[in-house]
N, C-alpha and C. Protein backbone atom coordinates (compact mmCIF):
# COMPACT_ATOMS: atom_id res chain seq x y z
N MET A 1 -48.55 418.26 236.17
CA MET A 1 -48.50 417.80 234.93
C MET A 1 -47.42 418.19 234.08
N ARG A 2 -46.89 419.41 234.36
CA ARG A 2 -45.56 419.76 233.68
C ARG A 2 -44.39 418.91 234.02
N VAL A 3 -44.37 418.55 235.29
CA VAL A 3 -43.26 417.61 235.64
C VAL A 3 -43.39 416.29 235.02
N LEU A 4 -44.65 415.75 235.06
CA LEU A 4 -44.79 414.46 234.45
C LEU A 4 -44.43 414.43 233.00
N GLU A 5 -44.84 415.56 232.32
CA GLU A 5 -44.72 415.60 230.89
C GLU A 5 -43.16 415.81 230.63
N LEU A 6 -42.41 416.45 231.44
CA LEU A 6 -40.90 416.73 231.33
C LEU A 6 -40.22 415.38 231.39
N LEU A 7 -40.63 414.62 232.54
CA LEU A 7 -40.02 413.28 232.85
C LEU A 7 -40.22 412.28 231.68
N ALA A 8 -41.60 412.22 231.21
CA ALA A 8 -42.03 411.36 230.17
C ALA A 8 -41.26 411.57 228.95
N CYS A 9 -40.83 412.87 228.59
CA CYS A 9 -40.25 413.17 227.31
C CYS A 9 -38.70 413.09 227.44
N SER A 10 -38.33 412.97 228.58
CA SER A 10 -36.83 413.03 228.75
C SER A 10 -36.18 411.68 228.28
N ALA A 11 -34.88 411.78 227.74
CA ALA A 11 -34.24 410.67 227.32
C ALA A 11 -33.57 409.85 228.59
N GLY A 12 -33.67 410.40 229.75
CA GLY A 12 -33.18 409.66 230.92
C GLY A 12 -33.59 410.40 232.20
N PRO A 13 -33.15 410.04 233.32
CA PRO A 13 -33.57 410.71 234.52
C PRO A 13 -33.17 412.08 234.72
N LEU A 14 -33.87 412.91 235.50
CA LEU A 14 -33.60 414.32 235.59
C LEU A 14 -33.41 414.56 237.20
N ARG A 15 -32.53 415.48 237.52
CA ARG A 15 -32.38 415.74 238.94
C ARG A 15 -33.30 416.87 239.29
N VAL A 16 -33.54 417.04 240.52
CA VAL A 16 -34.40 418.18 240.95
C VAL A 16 -33.99 419.45 240.34
N ARG A 17 -32.69 419.75 240.46
CA ARG A 17 -32.10 421.18 239.81
C ARG A 17 -32.42 421.10 238.35
N ASP A 18 -32.31 420.04 237.57
CA ASP A 18 -32.76 420.18 236.15
C ASP A 18 -34.08 420.49 235.98
N ILE A 19 -35.02 419.75 236.72
CA ILE A 19 -36.49 420.04 236.57
C ILE A 19 -36.79 421.48 236.96
N ALA A 20 -36.28 421.86 237.97
CA ALA A 20 -36.57 423.37 238.56
C ALA A 20 -36.05 424.42 237.53
N GLU A 21 -34.84 424.12 236.82
CA GLU A 21 -34.38 425.06 235.81
C GLU A 21 -35.16 425.02 234.50
N ARG A 22 -35.65 423.86 234.15
CA ARG A 22 -36.30 423.72 232.78
C ARG A 22 -37.72 424.16 232.90
N LEU A 23 -38.32 424.12 234.13
CA LEU A 23 -39.62 424.51 234.33
C LEU A 23 -39.81 425.97 235.05
N ASP A 24 -38.64 426.45 235.31
CA ASP A 24 -38.65 427.80 235.99
C ASP A 24 -39.41 427.87 237.16
N LEU A 25 -39.07 426.78 238.03
CA LEU A 25 -39.80 426.54 239.38
C LEU A 25 -38.78 426.48 240.44
N GLY A 26 -39.04 426.80 241.62
CA GLY A 26 -38.19 426.66 242.85
C GLY A 26 -37.98 425.28 243.30
N LYS A 27 -36.79 425.06 243.70
CA LYS A 27 -36.47 423.67 244.02
C LYS A 27 -37.37 423.10 245.13
N PRO A 28 -37.69 423.79 246.20
CA PRO A 28 -38.57 423.35 247.10
C PRO A 28 -39.97 422.94 246.59
N ARG A 29 -40.45 423.76 245.66
CA ARG A 29 -41.78 423.33 245.05
C ARG A 29 -41.62 422.07 244.18
N VAL A 30 -40.57 422.00 243.43
CA VAL A 30 -40.34 420.75 242.68
C VAL A 30 -40.16 419.57 243.65
N CYS A 31 -39.60 419.68 244.71
CA CYS A 31 -39.44 418.55 245.75
C CYS A 31 -40.78 418.17 246.14
N ARG A 32 -41.74 419.06 246.44
CA ARG A 32 -42.97 418.74 246.97
C ARG A 32 -43.83 417.98 245.86
N HIS A 33 -43.72 418.45 244.68
CA HIS A 33 -44.33 417.81 243.58
C HIS A 33 -43.92 416.39 243.28
N LEU A 34 -42.56 416.19 243.41
CA LEU A 34 -41.94 414.94 243.21
C LEU A 34 -42.35 414.03 244.41
N ALA A 35 -42.41 414.41 245.60
CA ALA A 35 -42.78 413.61 246.62
C ALA A 35 -44.27 413.14 246.50
N THR A 36 -45.26 413.95 246.07
CA THR A 36 -46.51 413.61 245.73
C THR A 36 -46.59 412.64 244.67
N LEU A 37 -45.96 412.90 243.55
CA LEU A 37 -45.93 411.95 242.33
C LEU A 37 -45.31 410.70 242.64
N GLU A 38 -44.31 410.62 243.55
CA GLU A 38 -43.72 409.33 243.85
C GLU A 38 -44.61 408.46 244.62
N ALA A 39 -45.34 409.14 245.63
CA ALA A 39 -46.30 408.39 246.37
C ALA A 39 -47.33 407.82 245.63
N MET A 40 -47.70 408.37 244.48
CA MET A 40 -48.70 407.86 243.59
C MET A 40 -48.07 406.92 242.48
N GLU A 41 -46.88 406.70 242.63
CA GLU A 41 -46.19 405.73 241.68
C GLU A 41 -46.15 406.38 240.26
N LEU A 42 -46.25 407.70 240.17
CA LEU A 42 -46.25 408.26 238.71
C LEU A 42 -44.69 408.58 238.39
N VAL A 43 -43.92 408.73 239.55
CA VAL A 43 -42.45 408.95 239.15
C VAL A 43 -41.63 408.00 240.19
N ARG A 44 -40.42 407.82 239.80
CA ARG A 44 -39.61 406.94 240.59
C ARG A 44 -38.20 407.49 240.75
N ARG A 45 -37.58 407.29 241.85
CA ARG A 45 -36.24 407.73 242.08
C ARG A 45 -35.30 406.68 241.23
N VAL A 46 -34.18 407.20 240.54
CA VAL A 46 -33.30 406.41 239.76
C VAL A 46 -31.91 406.55 240.38
N GLY A 47 -31.68 405.98 241.47
CA GLY A 47 -30.46 405.98 242.10
C GLY A 47 -30.09 407.49 242.52
N ARG A 48 -28.81 407.94 242.11
CA ARG A 48 -28.46 409.26 242.42
C ARG A 48 -28.64 410.00 241.07
N GLN A 49 -29.26 409.53 240.08
CA GLN A 49 -29.41 410.11 238.81
C GLN A 49 -30.57 411.02 238.71
N GLY A 50 -31.48 410.84 239.72
CA GLY A 50 -32.60 411.81 239.69
C GLY A 50 -33.87 410.98 239.83
N TYR A 51 -34.89 411.51 238.86
CA TYR A 51 -36.20 410.99 238.76
C TYR A 51 -36.57 410.66 237.25
N GLY A 52 -37.27 409.49 237.20
CA GLY A 52 -37.87 409.12 235.92
C GLY A 52 -39.29 408.74 236.07
N ALA A 53 -39.91 408.27 234.91
CA ALA A 53 -41.29 407.96 234.89
C ALA A 53 -41.59 406.63 235.71
N GLY A 54 -42.66 406.74 236.56
CA GLY A 54 -42.88 405.60 237.48
C GLY A 54 -43.80 404.52 236.71
N GLU A 55 -43.87 403.25 237.50
CA GLU A 55 -44.46 402.24 236.82
C GLU A 55 -45.90 402.48 236.50
N ARG A 56 -46.52 403.34 237.32
CA ARG A 56 -47.90 403.51 237.14
C ARG A 56 -48.29 404.40 235.98
N LEU A 57 -47.31 405.39 235.61
CA LEU A 57 -47.38 406.28 234.55
C LEU A 57 -47.07 405.40 233.25
N VAL A 58 -46.14 404.49 233.34
CA VAL A 58 -45.90 403.71 232.25
C VAL A 58 -47.05 402.84 231.80
N ARG A 59 -47.73 402.20 232.85
CA ARG A 59 -48.98 401.41 232.61
C ARG A 59 -50.05 402.23 231.96
N ILE A 60 -50.26 403.52 232.44
CA ILE A 60 -51.30 404.32 231.86
C ILE A 60 -50.99 404.65 230.31
N ALA A 61 -49.67 404.92 230.05
CA ALA A 61 -49.32 405.23 228.78
C ALA A 61 -49.49 404.07 227.86
N HIS A 62 -49.21 402.80 228.35
CA HIS A 62 -49.25 401.69 227.64
C HIS A 62 -50.78 401.42 227.31
N HIS A 63 -51.71 401.66 228.24
CA HIS A 63 -53.07 401.43 228.06
C HIS A 63 -53.66 402.40 226.99
N VAL A 64 -53.24 403.75 227.13
CA VAL A 64 -53.75 404.72 226.15
C VAL A 64 -53.32 404.31 224.73
N LEU A 65 -52.00 404.01 224.61
CA LEU A 65 -51.52 403.65 223.22
C LEU A 65 -52.15 402.45 222.77
N ARG A 66 -52.56 401.42 223.61
CA ARG A 66 -53.25 400.27 223.11
C ARG A 66 -54.66 400.68 222.60
N GLU A 67 -55.33 401.50 223.27
CA GLU A 67 -56.72 401.80 222.81
C GLU A 67 -56.59 402.69 221.54
N ARG A 68 -55.52 403.59 221.45
CA ARG A 68 -55.48 404.49 220.21
C ARG A 68 -55.20 403.43 218.95
N SER A 69 -54.32 402.48 219.29
CA SER A 69 -54.12 401.54 218.23
C SER A 69 -55.21 400.79 217.77
N LEU A 70 -56.01 400.35 218.85
CA LEU A 70 -57.18 399.58 218.50
C LEU A 70 -58.21 400.41 217.64
N VAL A 71 -58.39 401.67 218.13
CA VAL A 71 -59.28 402.58 217.38
C VAL A 71 -58.81 402.74 215.97
N GLU A 72 -57.61 403.05 215.72
CA GLU A 72 -57.11 403.16 214.41
C GLU A 72 -57.29 401.96 213.48
N THR A 73 -56.97 400.81 214.13
CA THR A 73 -56.98 399.49 213.39
C THR A 73 -58.27 399.12 213.04
N ALA A 74 -59.26 399.49 214.00
CA ALA A 74 -60.63 399.07 213.72
C ALA A 74 -61.56 399.96 212.93
N ARG A 75 -61.03 401.07 212.65
CA ARG A 75 -61.95 402.07 211.85
C ARG A 75 -62.40 401.57 210.56
N SER A 76 -61.56 400.96 209.73
CA SER A 76 -61.83 400.54 208.41
C SER A 76 -62.85 399.29 208.50
N PRO A 77 -62.55 398.27 209.27
CA PRO A 77 -63.51 397.22 209.42
C PRO A 77 -64.89 397.57 209.94
N LEU A 78 -64.82 398.55 210.73
CA LEU A 78 -66.07 399.03 211.46
C LEU A 78 -67.03 399.78 210.36
N GLN A 79 -66.29 400.54 209.58
CA GLN A 79 -66.97 401.27 208.58
C GLN A 79 -67.61 400.26 207.49
N ALA A 80 -66.84 399.13 207.18
CA ALA A 80 -67.34 398.19 206.28
C ALA A 80 -68.65 397.51 206.94
N LEU A 81 -68.56 397.23 208.21
CA LEU A 81 -69.63 396.59 208.91
C LEU A 81 -70.85 397.54 209.03
N ARG A 82 -70.64 398.79 209.19
CA ARG A 82 -71.74 399.76 209.32
C ARG A 82 -72.43 399.76 207.98
N ASP A 83 -71.63 399.98 206.88
CA ASP A 83 -72.18 400.02 205.50
C ASP A 83 -72.93 398.73 205.10
N GLU A 84 -72.45 397.66 205.40
CA GLU A 84 -73.04 396.35 205.17
C GLU A 84 -74.37 396.28 205.81
N LEU A 85 -74.53 396.48 207.07
CA LEU A 85 -75.71 396.25 207.91
C LEU A 85 -76.58 397.38 207.81
N GLN A 86 -75.99 398.65 207.58
CA GLN A 86 -76.86 399.93 207.66
C GLN A 86 -77.36 400.15 209.04
N GLN A 87 -76.46 399.83 210.08
CA GLN A 87 -76.75 400.09 211.40
C GLN A 87 -75.63 400.68 212.23
N THR A 88 -75.92 401.43 213.24
CA THR A 88 -74.86 401.98 214.07
C THR A 88 -73.93 400.92 214.71
N VAL A 89 -72.66 401.16 214.65
CA VAL A 89 -71.50 400.21 215.14
C VAL A 89 -70.66 400.96 216.09
N THR A 90 -70.49 400.33 217.35
CA THR A 90 -69.63 400.92 218.21
C THR A 90 -68.42 400.02 218.56
N LEU A 91 -67.34 400.65 218.99
CA LEU A 91 -66.10 399.97 219.51
C LEU A 91 -65.93 400.33 220.91
N SER A 92 -65.94 399.36 221.90
CA SER A 92 -65.70 399.63 223.32
C SER A 92 -64.35 398.88 223.81
N ALA A 93 -63.95 399.23 225.09
CA ALA A 93 -62.91 398.47 225.75
C ALA A 93 -63.49 398.05 227.01
N PRO A 94 -63.11 396.90 227.58
CA PRO A 94 -63.45 396.43 228.88
C PRO A 94 -63.00 397.32 230.03
N THR A 95 -63.76 397.50 230.94
CA THR A 95 -63.40 398.29 232.15
C THR A 95 -64.14 397.78 233.26
N ASP A 96 -63.81 398.39 234.36
CA ASP A 96 -64.55 397.95 235.74
C ASP A 96 -66.01 398.18 235.49
N GLY A 97 -66.97 397.15 235.87
CA GLY A 97 -68.29 397.38 235.84
C GLY A 97 -68.98 397.31 234.43
N GLY A 98 -68.23 397.02 233.32
CA GLY A 98 -68.77 396.92 232.08
C GLY A 98 -67.84 397.18 230.97
N ALA A 99 -68.08 398.07 229.98
CA ALA A 99 -67.25 398.40 228.87
C ALA A 99 -67.44 399.93 228.48
N VAL A 100 -66.43 400.62 228.06
CA VAL A 100 -66.55 402.01 227.82
C VAL A 100 -66.36 402.22 226.35
N VAL A 101 -67.23 403.00 225.65
CA VAL A 101 -67.29 403.20 224.27
C VAL A 101 -66.09 404.01 223.80
N LEU A 102 -65.35 403.58 222.98
CA LEU A 102 -64.11 404.30 222.38
C LEU A 102 -64.50 405.02 221.11
N ASP A 103 -65.39 404.37 220.20
CA ASP A 103 -65.67 404.95 218.93
C ASP A 103 -67.13 404.57 218.57
N CYS A 104 -67.79 405.37 217.76
CA CYS A 104 -69.14 405.13 217.39
C CYS A 104 -69.25 405.57 215.85
N LEU A 105 -69.64 404.67 215.12
CA LEU A 105 -69.94 405.00 213.60
C LEU A 105 -71.48 404.92 213.38
N GLU A 106 -72.01 406.06 213.16
CA GLU A 106 -73.51 406.14 213.11
C GLU A 106 -74.02 405.54 211.79
N SER A 107 -75.24 404.82 211.85
CA SER A 107 -75.88 404.44 210.53
C SER A 107 -75.97 405.65 209.64
N THR A 108 -76.11 405.45 208.52
CA THR A 108 -76.40 406.45 207.57
C THR A 108 -77.91 406.69 207.27
N GLU A 109 -78.69 405.84 207.97
CA GLU A 109 -80.16 406.03 207.97
C GLU A 109 -80.67 407.28 208.52
N PRO A 110 -81.84 407.79 208.14
CA PRO A 110 -82.36 409.01 208.73
C PRO A 110 -82.36 409.07 210.13
N ALA A 111 -83.02 408.02 210.80
CA ALA A 111 -83.13 407.94 212.21
C ALA A 111 -81.98 407.13 212.88
N ALA A 112 -80.85 407.68 212.74
CA ALA A 112 -79.57 406.95 213.19
C ALA A 112 -79.47 406.98 214.74
N ILE A 113 -79.02 405.80 215.20
CA ILE A 113 -78.84 405.71 216.67
C ILE A 113 -77.32 406.16 217.08
N THR A 114 -77.29 407.02 217.95
CA THR A 114 -75.83 407.65 218.43
C THR A 114 -75.53 407.09 219.76
N VAL A 115 -74.28 406.65 219.86
CA VAL A 115 -73.71 406.38 221.23
C VAL A 115 -72.46 407.16 221.34
N ARG A 116 -72.41 408.02 222.31
CA ARG A 116 -71.30 408.90 222.61
C ARG A 116 -70.01 408.11 222.97
N ALA A 117 -68.85 408.57 222.51
CA ALA A 117 -67.56 407.95 222.96
C ALA A 117 -67.64 408.37 224.57
N GLY A 118 -67.12 407.48 225.35
CA GLY A 118 -67.03 407.69 226.83
C GLY A 118 -68.21 407.10 227.59
N THR A 119 -69.28 406.72 226.86
CA THR A 119 -70.45 406.10 227.39
C THR A 119 -70.07 404.83 228.00
N LEU A 120 -70.46 404.48 229.30
CA LEU A 120 -70.21 403.38 230.05
C LEU A 120 -71.47 402.34 229.68
N LEU A 121 -71.12 401.28 229.13
CA LEU A 121 -72.02 400.14 228.93
C LEU A 121 -72.13 399.27 230.26
N ARG A 122 -73.05 399.26 230.92
CA ARG A 122 -73.01 398.65 232.27
C ARG A 122 -73.53 397.17 232.20
N TYR A 123 -72.94 396.49 233.12
CA TYR A 123 -73.27 394.95 233.29
C TYR A 123 -74.50 394.95 234.15
N PRO A 124 -75.41 394.16 233.90
CA PRO A 124 -75.52 393.13 232.95
C PRO A 124 -76.41 393.44 231.68
N HIS A 125 -76.71 394.80 231.49
CA HIS A 125 -77.68 395.13 230.50
C HIS A 125 -77.13 395.25 229.05
N SER A 126 -75.95 395.33 228.95
CA SER A 126 -75.22 395.37 227.53
C SER A 126 -74.47 394.12 227.24
N PRO A 127 -74.67 393.68 225.98
CA PRO A 127 -73.91 392.34 225.61
C PRO A 127 -72.38 392.57 225.70
N ALA A 128 -72.02 393.91 225.32
CA ALA A 128 -70.67 394.12 225.31
C ALA A 128 -70.02 394.02 226.71
N ALA A 129 -70.77 394.65 227.73
CA ALA A 129 -70.44 394.56 229.06
C ALA A 129 -70.47 393.02 229.70
N ARG A 130 -71.41 392.29 229.30
CA ARG A 130 -71.51 390.84 229.72
C ARG A 130 -70.27 390.14 229.16
N LEU A 131 -69.96 390.28 227.92
CA LEU A 131 -68.77 389.74 227.31
C LEU A 131 -67.44 390.09 228.02
N ALA A 132 -67.38 391.37 228.37
CA ALA A 132 -66.22 391.99 229.11
C ALA A 132 -65.96 391.29 230.31
N ALA A 133 -67.19 391.06 231.14
CA ALA A 133 -67.11 390.32 232.33
C ALA A 133 -66.72 388.77 232.16
N ALA A 134 -67.41 388.18 231.18
CA ALA A 134 -67.13 386.82 231.02
C ALA A 134 -65.79 386.52 230.48
N LEU A 135 -65.23 387.31 229.56
CA LEU A 135 -63.89 387.04 228.84
C LEU A 135 -62.75 387.83 229.39
N GLY A 136 -62.92 388.73 230.27
CA GLY A 136 -61.80 389.58 230.70
C GLY A 136 -60.95 388.93 231.69
N ASP A 137 -60.20 389.72 232.48
CA ASP A 137 -59.11 389.20 233.28
C ASP A 137 -59.88 388.34 234.32
N ALA A 138 -59.53 386.91 234.29
CA ALA A 138 -60.07 386.01 235.26
C ALA A 138 -59.67 386.32 236.63
N ARG A 139 -58.60 387.09 236.86
CA ARG A 139 -58.06 387.24 238.20
C ARG A 139 -58.88 388.28 239.03
N ALA A 140 -59.55 389.16 238.16
CA ALA A 140 -60.24 390.21 238.86
C ALA A 140 -61.47 389.76 239.55
N GLU A 141 -61.74 390.47 240.66
CA GLU A 141 -62.93 390.05 241.44
C GLU A 141 -64.12 391.05 241.11
N HIS A 142 -65.17 390.46 240.76
CA HIS A 142 -66.35 391.24 240.33
C HIS A 142 -67.48 391.03 241.31
N PRO A 143 -68.01 392.05 241.91
CA PRO A 143 -69.12 391.93 242.85
C PRO A 143 -70.51 391.77 242.20
N TYR A 144 -70.70 390.98 241.03
CA TYR A 144 -71.91 391.01 240.37
C TYR A 144 -72.45 389.61 240.23
N ASP A 145 -73.73 389.50 239.87
CA ASP A 145 -74.24 388.20 239.63
C ASP A 145 -73.55 387.50 238.37
N PRO A 146 -72.86 386.35 238.56
CA PRO A 146 -72.07 385.68 237.44
C PRO A 146 -72.98 385.14 236.32
N LYS A 147 -74.29 385.01 236.70
CA LYS A 147 -75.19 384.18 235.71
C LYS A 147 -75.20 384.76 234.23
N PRO A 148 -75.43 386.09 234.23
CA PRO A 148 -75.49 386.67 232.85
C PRO A 148 -74.18 386.56 232.07
N ALA A 149 -72.98 386.70 232.77
CA ALA A 149 -71.73 386.53 232.15
C ALA A 149 -71.53 385.13 231.66
N ALA A 150 -72.00 384.11 232.58
CA ALA A 150 -71.84 382.76 232.02
C ALA A 150 -72.79 382.50 230.79
N GLN A 151 -73.95 383.08 230.77
CA GLN A 151 -74.76 382.92 229.73
C GLN A 151 -74.22 383.55 228.36
N ALA A 152 -73.56 384.83 228.54
CA ALA A 152 -72.90 385.31 227.40
C ALA A 152 -71.75 384.54 226.93
N ARG A 153 -71.08 383.82 227.87
CA ARG A 153 -69.85 383.02 227.32
C ARG A 153 -70.34 381.89 226.55
N GLN A 154 -71.47 381.26 226.92
CA GLN A 154 -72.15 380.20 226.09
C GLN A 154 -72.65 380.54 224.76
N ARG A 155 -73.34 381.67 224.71
CA ARG A 155 -73.66 382.23 223.32
C ARG A 155 -72.40 382.49 222.55
N TRP A 156 -71.45 383.22 223.09
CA TRP A 156 -70.21 383.42 222.43
C TRP A 156 -69.57 382.13 221.82
N ARG A 157 -69.46 381.12 222.72
CA ARG A 157 -68.81 379.93 222.27
C ARG A 157 -69.84 379.35 221.14
N ALA A 158 -71.06 379.41 221.22
CA ALA A 158 -71.90 378.72 220.21
C ALA A 158 -72.14 379.56 218.92
N GLN A 159 -72.10 380.91 219.09
CA GLN A 159 -72.42 381.78 217.97
C GLN A 159 -71.43 382.85 217.51
N GLY A 160 -70.35 382.97 218.52
CA GLY A 160 -69.29 383.97 218.24
C GLY A 160 -69.77 385.35 218.69
N CYS A 161 -70.93 385.49 219.33
CA CYS A 161 -71.32 386.78 219.70
C CYS A 161 -72.42 386.72 220.85
N ASP A 162 -72.74 387.81 221.51
CA ASP A 162 -73.75 387.82 222.46
C ASP A 162 -74.70 388.92 221.98
N TYR A 163 -76.03 388.81 222.44
CA TYR A 163 -77.06 389.78 222.01
C TYR A 163 -78.02 390.09 223.03
N GLU A 164 -78.88 391.18 222.71
CA GLU A 164 -79.86 391.72 223.72
C GLU A 164 -81.06 391.97 223.01
N VAL A 165 -82.16 391.89 223.52
CA VAL A 165 -83.41 392.33 222.75
C VAL A 165 -84.27 393.13 223.80
N ASP A 166 -84.08 394.58 223.68
CA ASP A 166 -84.88 395.41 224.46
C ASP A 166 -84.96 395.12 225.98
N THR A 167 -83.84 394.76 226.52
CA THR A 167 -83.62 394.42 228.03
C THR A 167 -83.98 395.72 228.91
N GLN A 168 -83.68 396.81 228.29
CA GLN A 168 -83.96 398.00 229.10
C GLN A 168 -85.18 398.76 228.67
N HIS A 169 -86.11 398.21 227.94
CA HIS A 169 -87.33 398.75 227.45
C HIS A 169 -87.21 400.10 226.76
N THR A 170 -86.23 400.11 225.81
CA THR A 170 -86.05 401.27 225.16
C THR A 170 -86.32 401.09 223.61
N GLY A 171 -86.64 399.82 223.30
CA GLY A 171 -86.97 399.47 221.95
C GLY A 171 -85.66 399.10 221.13
N LEU A 172 -84.50 399.16 221.83
CA LEU A 172 -83.27 398.94 221.19
C LEU A 172 -82.66 397.55 221.57
N GLY A 173 -81.94 397.12 220.66
CA GLY A 173 -81.19 395.75 220.89
C GLY A 173 -79.88 395.86 220.38
N GLY A 174 -79.13 394.69 220.42
CA GLY A 174 -77.81 394.82 219.83
C GLY A 174 -77.07 393.39 219.84
N LEU A 175 -75.98 393.40 218.97
CA LEU A 175 -75.09 392.28 219.03
C LEU A 175 -73.59 392.77 219.46
N ALA A 176 -72.93 391.88 220.06
CA ALA A 176 -71.56 392.22 220.39
C ALA A 176 -70.67 391.10 220.34
N ALA A 177 -69.41 391.37 219.97
CA ALA A 177 -68.56 390.23 219.78
C ALA A 177 -67.19 390.74 220.40
N PRO A 178 -66.28 389.98 221.07
CA PRO A 178 -65.09 390.37 221.49
C PRO A 178 -63.98 390.42 220.50
N VAL A 179 -62.93 391.21 220.84
CA VAL A 179 -61.75 391.36 219.94
C VAL A 179 -60.52 391.02 220.85
N PHE A 180 -59.80 390.00 220.40
CA PHE A 180 -58.60 389.53 221.20
C PHE A 180 -57.33 390.08 220.47
N ALA A 181 -56.27 390.38 221.25
CA ALA A 181 -55.01 390.45 220.75
C ALA A 181 -54.12 389.30 221.49
N GLY A 182 -54.08 388.26 220.92
CA GLY A 182 -53.53 387.08 221.53
C GLY A 182 -54.53 386.49 222.45
N PRO A 183 -54.18 386.17 223.65
CA PRO A 183 -55.15 385.70 224.67
C PRO A 183 -55.79 386.81 225.45
N LEU A 184 -55.48 388.10 225.13
CA LEU A 184 -56.03 389.38 225.84
C LEU A 184 -57.19 389.94 225.20
N LEU A 185 -58.23 390.05 226.01
CA LEU A 185 -59.43 390.80 225.48
C LEU A 185 -59.09 392.20 225.41
N VAL A 186 -59.03 392.96 224.30
CA VAL A 186 -58.90 394.32 224.22
C VAL A 186 -59.96 395.24 223.76
N GLY A 187 -61.01 394.55 223.21
CA GLY A 187 -62.02 395.44 222.72
C GLY A 187 -63.37 394.61 222.49
N LEU A 188 -64.45 395.34 222.17
CA LEU A 188 -65.72 394.66 221.89
C LEU A 188 -66.28 395.63 220.81
N VAL A 189 -66.88 394.84 219.73
CA VAL A 189 -67.66 395.40 218.68
C VAL A 189 -69.05 395.12 218.88
N SER A 190 -69.85 396.31 218.81
CA SER A 190 -71.31 396.11 218.93
C SER A 190 -72.06 396.71 217.69
N VAL A 191 -73.21 396.13 217.43
CA VAL A 191 -74.10 396.65 216.37
C VAL A 191 -75.41 396.94 217.09
N VAL A 192 -75.81 398.12 217.02
CA VAL A 192 -77.00 398.70 217.79
C VAL A 192 -78.14 398.89 216.77
N MET A 193 -79.33 398.37 217.23
CA MET A 193 -80.46 398.67 216.23
C MET A 193 -81.70 398.44 216.93
N SER A 194 -82.75 398.53 216.13
CA SER A 194 -84.13 398.35 216.77
C SER A 194 -84.38 396.91 217.06
N SER A 195 -84.89 396.51 218.28
CA SER A 195 -85.13 395.24 218.66
C SER A 195 -85.96 394.27 217.73
N ARG A 196 -86.76 394.97 217.01
CA ARG A 196 -87.64 394.17 215.99
C ARG A 196 -86.74 393.35 214.94
N LEU A 197 -85.57 393.94 214.75
CA LEU A 197 -84.69 393.38 213.74
C LEU A 197 -84.03 392.13 214.35
N LEU A 198 -84.15 391.88 215.76
CA LEU A 198 -83.33 390.84 216.39
C LEU A 198 -84.37 389.63 216.73
N THR A 199 -85.69 389.91 216.55
CA THR A 199 -86.55 388.78 217.00
C THR A 199 -87.06 388.01 215.81
N PRO A 200 -87.36 386.74 216.17
CA PRO A 200 -87.09 386.00 217.32
C PRO A 200 -85.66 385.63 217.68
N GLN A 201 -84.88 385.61 216.67
CA GLN A 201 -83.48 385.41 216.76
C GLN A 201 -82.75 386.37 215.99
N PRO A 202 -81.56 386.71 216.29
CA PRO A 202 -80.64 387.56 215.58
C PRO A 202 -80.37 386.89 214.07
N PRO A 203 -80.49 387.56 213.01
CA PRO A 203 -80.22 386.98 211.63
C PRO A 203 -78.89 386.49 211.56
N SER A 204 -78.65 385.33 210.91
CA SER A 204 -77.31 384.85 210.76
C SER A 204 -76.49 385.62 210.00
N ARG A 205 -77.06 386.35 209.01
CA ARG A 205 -76.09 387.29 208.19
C ARG A 205 -75.56 388.47 209.08
N MET A 206 -76.28 388.87 210.02
CA MET A 206 -75.68 389.91 210.85
C MET A 206 -74.55 389.36 211.80
N MET A 207 -74.78 388.22 212.30
CA MET A 207 -73.72 387.57 213.15
C MET A 207 -72.45 387.24 212.27
N GLN A 208 -72.72 386.77 211.12
CA GLN A 208 -71.54 386.59 210.17
C GLN A 208 -70.78 387.84 209.92
N ALA A 209 -71.53 388.89 209.59
CA ALA A 209 -70.79 390.09 209.36
C ALA A 209 -70.06 390.72 210.51
N LEU A 210 -70.69 390.43 211.63
CA LEU A 210 -69.97 390.92 212.96
C LEU A 210 -68.76 390.12 213.10
N ARG A 211 -68.75 388.78 212.94
CA ARG A 211 -67.59 387.92 213.04
C ARG A 211 -66.51 388.31 212.06
N ARG A 212 -66.91 388.53 210.91
CA ARG A 212 -65.91 388.99 209.90
C ARG A 212 -65.17 390.24 210.20
N SER A 213 -65.96 391.21 210.81
CA SER A 213 -65.36 392.41 211.16
C SER A 213 -64.30 392.32 212.30
N VAL A 214 -64.62 391.48 213.33
CA VAL A 214 -63.72 391.20 214.38
C VAL A 214 -62.52 390.52 213.94
N ARG A 215 -62.80 389.53 213.01
CA ARG A 215 -61.47 388.82 212.54
C ARG A 215 -60.51 389.82 211.80
N ALA A 216 -61.15 390.72 210.93
CA ALA A 216 -60.27 391.77 210.39
C ALA A 216 -59.57 392.69 211.32
N ILE A 217 -60.18 393.07 212.43
CA ILE A 217 -59.53 393.93 213.40
C ILE A 217 -58.39 393.08 214.05
N GLU A 218 -58.69 391.80 214.44
CA GLU A 218 -57.64 390.93 215.17
C GLU A 218 -56.44 390.76 214.21
N GLN A 219 -56.76 390.60 212.83
CA GLN A 219 -55.64 390.42 212.00
C GLN A 219 -54.73 391.62 211.90
N GLY A 220 -55.49 392.75 211.88
CA GLY A 220 -54.80 394.12 211.95
C GLY A 220 -53.89 394.33 213.10
N LEU A 221 -54.36 393.99 214.21
CA LEU A 221 -53.69 394.09 215.46
C LEU A 221 -52.47 393.19 215.53
N ALA A 222 -52.51 392.08 214.79
CA ALA A 222 -51.48 391.12 214.79
C ALA A 222 -50.36 391.46 213.85
N MET A 223 -50.50 392.33 212.93
CA MET A 223 -49.57 392.81 211.98
C MET A 223 -48.39 393.44 212.72
N PRO A 224 -47.18 393.21 212.31
CA PRO A 224 -46.12 393.92 212.91
C PRO A 224 -46.00 395.35 212.57
C-alpha cells in the first residue's frame, strides 16, 4: 500500500532506487512488491524511467471518485425527497449481483427504517437491483433469470421507476429510479417504506417526487 500511495501521488514515474529511499526499504523487497503489483496491473513499467500507476489502479481511482461525486451531488436532492415524503431514502450504485448502498437518509419519523451503507441489494428482490440489471452495462453477462429485469425495464419506461410490495415478507416495500450521467447508469435512488403505502399501486405523488429528485441529481452531475 505504501508503494501504491507513493506512485499514485508522484508527479512522474519512480525508479526502484527512488522508491526504496523514500520508503526506507531494501531494493530487493521493493522489487518483489513491484513484481506482485505489476502482475495485478496496479503498477506498470514506464520504459527506463521506472514505474507508475497501472491501468487497474487508475480504473479503481476513477470509480471511487465517481461514487464520491455522486454521493456529494445527490445529498441535497435526497434530503429534499426524504423531507417531502417523510420516508427513508437511499442512494446505491450498480454492482455485480445487484446494487450496493452508498448513502442512507433516514426518515425523521419515530419508527425510521435504516439501511446501512455497504448493504448489497440483491437481484431480483430489490427494485434498485432489478433496474441495475436491466439498465446497466449491456455487455456484461449475468447468470440470472432475465424476466424480472425485463419487467423492471417496462415499468421504468412507463412510470420512470420500479417498485416492490413486500416481496421478501418483511412488511416493507419501495420505489427505485435510475440516475444516468449521459448514457451511463451511475446510481439508483430508492424510497423505502411500509408496503401498505404502496398498495394497490404506488401513489403518483411519490413517483413524481422520486423522478424530480433524480432529475436534480442528473442536472448536478452534468454541471461542469
